[in-house]
N, C-alpha and C. Protein backbone atom coordinates (compact mmCIF):
# COMPACT_ATOMS: atom_id res chain seq x y z
N MET A 1 64.17 134.69 123.30
CA MET A 1 65.01 134.77 122.12
C MET A 1 64.52 133.73 121.10
N PRO A 2 64.16 134.12 119.91
CA PRO A 2 63.66 133.17 118.92
C PRO A 2 64.76 132.25 118.40
N MET A 3 64.38 131.02 118.06
CA MET A 3 65.34 130.08 117.48
C MET A 3 65.53 130.44 116.01
N MET A 4 66.74 130.72 115.63
CA MET A 4 67.03 131.10 114.26
C MET A 4 66.92 129.91 113.30
N ASN A 5 67.17 128.70 113.79
CA ASN A 5 67.23 127.53 112.93
C ASN A 5 65.90 126.81 112.79
N LYS A 6 64.87 127.26 113.45
CA LYS A 6 63.60 126.53 113.49
C LYS A 6 63.02 126.34 112.09
N GLY A 7 62.72 125.08 111.78
CA GLY A 7 62.04 124.79 110.53
C GLY A 7 62.87 124.90 109.27
N GLN A 8 64.17 124.73 109.37
CA GLN A 8 65.01 124.91 108.18
C GLN A 8 65.29 123.61 107.44
N TYR A 9 64.76 122.49 107.91
CA TYR A 9 65.08 121.20 107.31
C TYR A 9 63.86 120.54 106.69
N LYS A 10 64.11 119.71 105.65
CA LYS A 10 63.07 118.90 105.02
C LYS A 10 62.90 117.62 105.82
N ASN A 11 61.66 117.19 106.02
CA ASN A 11 61.40 115.96 106.75
C ASN A 11 62.02 114.77 106.03
N GLY A 12 62.50 113.80 106.81
CA GLY A 12 63.07 112.59 106.25
C GLY A 12 64.23 112.09 107.09
N GLU A 13 64.90 111.06 106.58
CA GLU A 13 66.08 110.50 107.22
C GLU A 13 67.27 110.76 106.31
N TYR A 14 68.36 111.26 106.89
CA TYR A 14 69.53 111.64 106.12
C TYR A 14 70.78 111.05 106.76
N THR A 15 71.57 110.35 105.95
CA THR A 15 72.79 109.72 106.44
C THR A 15 73.98 110.60 106.10
N GLY A 16 74.80 110.86 107.10
CA GLY A 16 75.98 111.69 106.91
C GLY A 16 77.15 110.92 106.35
N ASN A 17 78.16 111.65 105.93
CA ASN A 17 79.40 111.04 105.45
C ASN A 17 80.11 110.35 106.60
N ILE A 18 80.97 109.41 106.26
CA ILE A 18 81.84 108.77 107.25
C ILE A 18 82.95 109.75 107.57
N ALA A 19 83.21 109.95 108.87
CA ALA A 19 84.23 110.91 109.31
C ALA A 19 85.23 110.20 110.22
N ASP A 20 86.49 110.56 110.08
CA ASP A 20 87.58 109.94 110.84
C ASP A 20 87.59 110.45 112.28
N ALA A 21 87.55 109.51 113.22
CA ALA A 21 87.62 109.85 114.65
C ALA A 21 88.90 109.32 115.27
N TYR A 22 89.97 109.26 114.52
CA TYR A 22 91.30 108.85 114.91
C TYR A 22 91.41 107.34 115.09
N TYR A 23 90.70 106.74 116.02
CA TYR A 23 90.76 105.29 116.23
C TYR A 23 89.68 104.54 115.47
N GLY A 24 89.00 105.20 114.58
CA GLY A 24 87.94 104.59 113.80
C GLY A 24 87.08 105.67 113.18
N ASN A 25 86.02 105.25 112.55
CA ASN A 25 85.13 106.18 111.86
C ASN A 25 83.82 106.37 112.59
N ILE A 26 83.24 107.53 112.38
CA ILE A 26 81.90 107.82 112.90
C ILE A 26 81.02 108.19 111.71
N GLN A 27 79.82 107.65 111.74
CA GLN A 27 78.80 108.02 110.75
C GLN A 27 77.47 108.09 111.47
N VAL A 28 76.73 109.15 111.20
CA VAL A 28 75.43 109.32 111.85
C VAL A 28 74.32 109.45 110.82
N LYS A 29 73.12 109.19 111.30
CA LYS A 29 71.90 109.42 110.52
C LYS A 29 71.04 110.33 111.37
N THR A 30 70.44 111.33 110.74
CA THR A 30 69.54 112.21 111.46
C THR A 30 68.12 112.04 110.93
N ILE A 31 67.19 112.17 111.83
CA ILE A 31 65.78 112.10 111.46
C ILE A 31 65.17 113.48 111.66
N ILE A 32 64.56 113.97 110.60
CA ILE A 32 63.93 115.29 110.61
C ILE A 32 62.42 115.08 110.57
N SER A 33 61.72 115.68 111.51
CA SER A 33 60.26 115.61 111.55
C SER A 33 59.75 116.98 111.98
N GLY A 34 58.71 117.46 111.34
CA GLY A 34 58.22 118.80 111.65
C GLY A 34 59.26 119.85 111.35
N ALA A 35 60.12 119.57 110.35
CA ALA A 35 61.19 120.46 109.90
C ALA A 35 62.28 120.67 110.96
N LYS A 36 62.34 119.77 111.95
CA LYS A 36 63.36 119.89 113.01
C LYS A 36 64.07 118.56 113.22
N ILE A 37 65.29 118.63 113.76
CA ILE A 37 66.03 117.42 114.12
C ILE A 37 65.31 116.79 115.31
N THR A 38 64.85 115.55 115.14
CA THR A 38 64.18 114.86 116.24
C THR A 38 65.01 113.71 116.78
N ASP A 39 65.99 113.23 116.00
CA ASP A 39 66.82 112.13 116.46
C ASP A 39 68.13 112.13 115.68
N VAL A 40 69.17 111.64 116.34
CA VAL A 40 70.46 111.40 115.70
C VAL A 40 70.89 110.01 116.12
N GLN A 41 71.19 109.17 115.14
CA GLN A 41 71.59 107.80 115.42
C GLN A 41 73.01 107.57 114.94
N PHE A 42 73.79 106.87 115.74
CA PHE A 42 75.15 106.52 115.37
C PHE A 42 75.11 105.21 114.59
N LEU A 43 75.46 105.25 113.31
CA LEU A 43 75.49 104.06 112.47
C LEU A 43 76.83 103.34 112.58
N ASN A 44 77.88 104.10 112.81
CA ASN A 44 79.23 103.56 112.85
C ASN A 44 80.04 104.38 113.85
N TYR A 45 80.78 103.71 114.71
CA TYR A 45 81.64 104.40 115.67
C TYR A 45 82.71 103.43 116.16
N PRO A 46 83.86 103.95 116.63
CA PRO A 46 84.92 103.08 117.11
C PRO A 46 84.45 102.29 118.33
N ASN A 47 84.53 100.97 118.25
CA ASN A 47 84.08 100.15 119.38
C ASN A 47 84.93 98.90 119.57
N ASP A 48 86.17 98.96 119.09
CA ASP A 48 87.03 97.78 119.20
C ASP A 48 88.15 97.94 120.24
N ARG A 49 88.20 99.06 120.92
CA ARG A 49 89.20 99.29 121.96
C ARG A 49 88.48 99.76 123.22
N GLN A 50 88.96 99.33 124.37
CA GLN A 50 88.32 99.70 125.64
C GLN A 50 88.21 101.22 125.80
N ASN A 51 89.27 101.93 125.43
CA ASN A 51 89.26 103.38 125.58
C ASN A 51 88.19 104.01 124.68
N SER A 52 88.09 103.54 123.44
CA SER A 52 87.06 104.06 122.53
C SER A 52 85.67 103.77 123.05
N ILE A 53 85.45 102.56 123.56
CA ILE A 53 84.14 102.19 124.10
C ILE A 53 83.77 103.11 125.26
N ARG A 54 84.72 103.36 126.15
CA ARG A 54 84.47 104.22 127.31
C ARG A 54 84.17 105.65 126.87
N ILE A 55 85.00 106.19 125.99
CA ILE A 55 84.81 107.57 125.53
C ILE A 55 83.46 107.72 124.82
N ASN A 56 83.16 106.81 123.92
CA ASN A 56 81.92 106.92 123.15
C ASN A 56 80.68 106.71 124.01
N ALA A 57 80.76 105.82 124.99
CA ALA A 57 79.62 105.61 125.89
C ALA A 57 79.28 106.90 126.64
N TYR A 58 80.31 107.69 126.92
CA TYR A 58 80.12 108.97 127.60
C TYR A 58 79.71 110.08 126.63
N ALA A 59 80.43 110.18 125.50
CA ALA A 59 80.27 111.33 124.61
C ALA A 59 79.06 111.27 123.69
N MET A 60 78.74 110.09 123.19
CA MET A 60 77.68 110.00 122.17
C MET A 60 76.32 110.51 122.66
N PRO A 61 75.87 110.15 123.85
CA PRO A 61 74.57 110.70 124.30
C PRO A 61 74.58 112.22 124.46
N ILE A 62 75.72 112.76 124.88
CA ILE A 62 75.83 114.22 125.04
C ILE A 62 75.76 114.90 123.68
N LEU A 63 76.52 114.40 122.72
CA LEU A 63 76.54 114.99 121.39
C LEU A 63 75.15 114.93 120.75
N LYS A 64 74.49 113.80 120.87
CA LYS A 64 73.14 113.64 120.32
C LYS A 64 72.19 114.66 120.94
N SER A 65 72.19 114.74 122.25
CA SER A 65 71.31 115.65 122.97
C SER A 65 71.57 117.11 122.60
N GLU A 66 72.84 117.48 122.53
CA GLU A 66 73.19 118.86 122.20
C GLU A 66 72.79 119.22 120.77
N ALA A 67 72.95 118.28 119.84
CA ALA A 67 72.58 118.55 118.45
C ALA A 67 71.07 118.75 118.32
N ILE A 68 70.31 117.93 119.02
CA ILE A 68 68.85 118.09 118.98
C ILE A 68 68.44 119.42 119.60
N LYS A 69 69.07 119.76 120.71
CA LYS A 69 68.76 121.02 121.38
C LYS A 69 69.14 122.22 120.51
N ALA A 70 70.32 122.16 119.88
CA ALA A 70 70.81 123.27 119.07
C ALA A 70 70.19 123.30 117.67
N GLN A 71 69.59 122.16 117.24
CA GLN A 71 69.08 122.04 115.88
C GLN A 71 70.18 122.33 114.87
N SER A 72 71.37 121.79 115.18
CA SER A 72 72.55 122.10 114.38
C SER A 72 73.65 121.08 114.66
N ALA A 73 74.61 121.00 113.75
CA ALA A 73 75.81 120.19 113.98
C ALA A 73 76.84 120.98 114.78
N LYS A 74 76.60 122.26 114.96
CA LYS A 74 77.54 123.12 115.69
C LYS A 74 77.29 122.98 117.18
N VAL A 75 77.94 121.97 117.76
CA VAL A 75 77.80 121.70 119.19
C VAL A 75 79.18 121.79 119.84
N ASP A 76 79.19 121.99 121.14
CA ASP A 76 80.45 122.06 121.86
C ASP A 76 81.15 120.72 121.84
N VAL A 77 82.47 120.77 121.82
CA VAL A 77 83.29 119.56 121.90
C VAL A 77 83.15 118.99 123.31
N VAL A 78 82.99 117.68 123.39
CA VAL A 78 82.91 117.01 124.69
C VAL A 78 84.33 116.81 125.20
N SER A 79 84.60 117.29 126.41
CA SER A 79 85.93 117.17 127.01
C SER A 79 86.34 115.71 127.08
N GLY A 80 87.55 115.42 126.61
CA GLY A 80 88.06 114.06 126.61
C GLY A 80 87.65 113.26 125.39
N ALA A 81 86.86 113.87 124.51
CA ALA A 81 86.37 113.19 123.31
C ALA A 81 86.46 114.12 122.10
N THR A 82 87.60 114.75 121.96
CA THR A 82 87.78 115.74 120.90
C THR A 82 87.61 115.14 119.51
N ALA A 83 88.27 114.00 119.25
CA ALA A 83 88.18 113.37 117.93
C ALA A 83 86.76 112.90 117.65
N THR A 84 86.12 112.30 118.64
CA THR A 84 84.74 111.84 118.49
C THR A 84 83.83 113.03 118.20
N SER A 85 84.00 114.11 118.93
CA SER A 85 83.17 115.30 118.74
C SER A 85 83.33 115.87 117.35
N GLY A 86 84.57 115.99 116.89
CA GLY A 86 84.82 116.54 115.56
C GLY A 86 84.24 115.68 114.46
N ALA A 87 84.40 114.37 114.58
CA ALA A 87 83.85 113.46 113.57
C ALA A 87 82.32 113.49 113.58
N PHE A 88 81.74 113.57 114.77
CA PHE A 88 80.28 113.68 114.90
C PHE A 88 79.79 114.93 114.18
N GLN A 89 80.43 116.07 114.45
CA GLN A 89 80.03 117.33 113.83
C GLN A 89 80.13 117.24 112.31
N GLU A 90 81.21 116.64 111.82
CA GLU A 90 81.43 116.53 110.37
C GLU A 90 80.36 115.65 109.71
N SER A 91 80.10 114.48 110.30
CA SER A 91 79.10 113.58 109.73
C SER A 91 77.70 114.18 109.79
N LEU A 92 77.35 114.76 110.94
CA LEU A 92 76.03 115.36 111.07
C LEU A 92 75.86 116.55 110.13
N ALA A 93 76.89 117.36 109.98
CA ALA A 93 76.80 118.52 109.08
C ALA A 93 76.52 118.06 107.65
N SER A 94 77.13 116.96 107.23
CA SER A 94 76.89 116.48 105.86
C SER A 94 75.47 115.93 105.72
N ALA A 95 74.94 115.31 106.77
CA ALA A 95 73.55 114.85 106.74
C ALA A 95 72.59 116.03 106.68
N LEU A 96 72.86 117.05 107.48
CA LEU A 96 71.97 118.22 107.52
C LEU A 96 72.03 119.01 106.22
N ALA A 97 73.18 118.99 105.54
CA ALA A 97 73.29 119.67 104.25
C ALA A 97 72.31 119.07 103.24
N GLN A 98 72.09 117.77 103.34
CA GLN A 98 71.13 117.10 102.45
C GLN A 98 69.69 117.49 102.80
N ALA A 99 69.47 117.84 104.06
CA ALA A 99 68.11 118.12 104.55
C ALA A 99 67.72 119.60 104.46
N LYS A 100 68.64 120.44 104.02
CA LYS A 100 68.36 121.88 103.96
C LYS A 100 67.22 122.19 103.01
N ASN A 101 66.36 123.11 103.44
CA ASN A 101 65.27 123.58 102.57
C ASN A 101 65.81 124.55 101.54
C-alpha cells in the first residue's frame, strides 16, 4: 500500500503553536528532511506535577514515534494521556501546516 503522505513537506524546522494540555501547555517542533517528518521535539510540556511527569514520560515517546511513522499529526490518542495526546496533535498540526508544499 503506497504512503499517501510521502514527500508532502518542505525541508526545515517548524515550531507548532502552544496547545493546552489541561495541567499545562505542550509545544512541539518538527524537523522535516527529505520531505518527511524525521523528528519531533517537545519544547514545552507539563512537568511540575508528579502525575504530569509520569504521564508525559510514558506518552511523549509514543506520540513522537507514531507521528514519524504516520507522517502526520493524526495519531491515536495514548490511553491515560488524552489531554497530552490532543495538545500534541494540535501543536504538531500547526507546525506541519507551515511545512506544507
